[in-house]
Amino acid sequence: MTRDTIAIIMGGGQGTRLYPLTKHRAKPAVPIAGKFRLIDIPISNCLHSDVDRIFVLTQFNSTSLNRHIVQTYRFDAFSKGYVQILAAEQTIENMDWYQGTADAVRQNIRRFRETPCEYIIVLAGDHLYRMNYRNMLREHIEKDAEITVAVLPVELDQVREFGILKTDSDGRITAFLEKPQEENVIRSMKIDESAFQQHGIQCAGRSHVASMGIYIFNKDVLIDCLEDDRFIDFGKHVIPGLIGLRRIYSHFFDGYWRDVGTIKSFYQANLELTHLIPEFDFYNELAPVYTRPRFLPGSKINSCFIESSIISDGTIITGSEIRNSIIGVRSIVCSNTKIANSIIMGADYYESIEEQLAEGAKGLPPIGIGGSTVIQNAIIDQNARIGRNVKILDQAGKRDYDSDSFSIRDGIAIVHRNGVIPDNTVI
């Protein structure tokens, strides 16, 4: 059945909720867990599900995302698989950029018409989870569904954050509401405990099911519904608009899933990976998360104290204390530095001595973290230059703030990509 299936991954719009991490890159290109990119998650899930014809729809700041995909996902001459980038483009028929997820697929519908397949999986590029799409596809076929939506059990206090669905006893979706707020409406969307048990799930205090932003369409149904220009977004327009008109079923999923589309959720999901036994496992040898091979040397750790942290390839850390943090590839951390509850994304390249001297003549510190620096509750983006004796602690207690080199969101300080923080700065 997977031979008759293709996958479409949404490359994301402007990604304003993840700013400033999306200042110079598309949302799916944001680094995660030290050495991966967000786009690696859905592509790896597809490959482990034997879905190897994958399209990635890109539009905003897509250069680094396109480069990562081209350098990472290369199939041999004996495989029919591919990961193909479909960038937004203006044509004689359409002069507009993508207006939403459904509109993005509509503007490329000619390509999907020409691709031999019966089923199309539509995925987001900013979620962290591990899922075998074959199970969902099998259920889609067995129930003779035209559309299947993956759903996740959620607790009552989470309902206002998601698109909430209601199903009948057979799993067919009968209602959909986007982020309901009124108490009586929320109560009306409650799922009976027996419905969870029917799908082999214990409700465990959870009373509702939320859309995961994962859809399977019969190809002809998708093409037909996208002829209606009013359908701009799958979650907001397509699914609610077709309930009662098409056979739309739910596929219950009870594993780890995180929407990492905001700074706070992205920060929390990364730090959860530093736990002794994290809920999301990057260490599964049977289903590894693929990413670009960099052929970097092993990390060099000199007289350091490191606790509950992830240290990525090619880092050099000297005489420092690191707790509950992620240190990305090619990170340089100088002596007497303390890092806690932070994400250091590393660098795209090593800076030579000559380059350091040239940049130093301009008054710029080297790429990396300077000595005697303290960093807490922060995200340091790639190629940042942090000087000596810097303190990034959000001492002013600002919730939201922007400058040329750093921003603050929800109390989390974010040093921009290529940002410069001079010696003795206090944030």
Foldseek 3Di string as FASTA:
>chain_A
DLVQEAEEEEQADQLPQAPPQSVQATQQQRDFQFEFGLQLQVQLLCVLLVNFAYEYEDEGNHPSVVVFQVQFDDDDPPDPGDYHYDYFDADPVHRDGAPEDLSSCLVVVVVVVPDRHFKYKYYYSQKHDHDNCNVVVVVCVVVVFQKEFEKEFDALVCQQVFWWFAAPLVQWTQAIDGRDDDPVVSVVQWYDQVSQVVLVHGNVRTTTIGTQRIMMHGSVVSNVQSVPVVCRYCRPDVVRVCRVPGRYGYDYDYADMFRCSHNVRSLVQRLLVLDPDHSRDCPDPSRHRTGRDDPAAAEAEACEAEESEAEDGQEYAYQEYEYSEYAHHQAYHDHLEYEYSEYENEEPDDQDPVNQVVVVVVVAHAFHAEYNEYYYQEYEDYREGHYYNEYEQPVVQDQWDDDPQWIHHRNYIYGHHNGTHHHNHYD
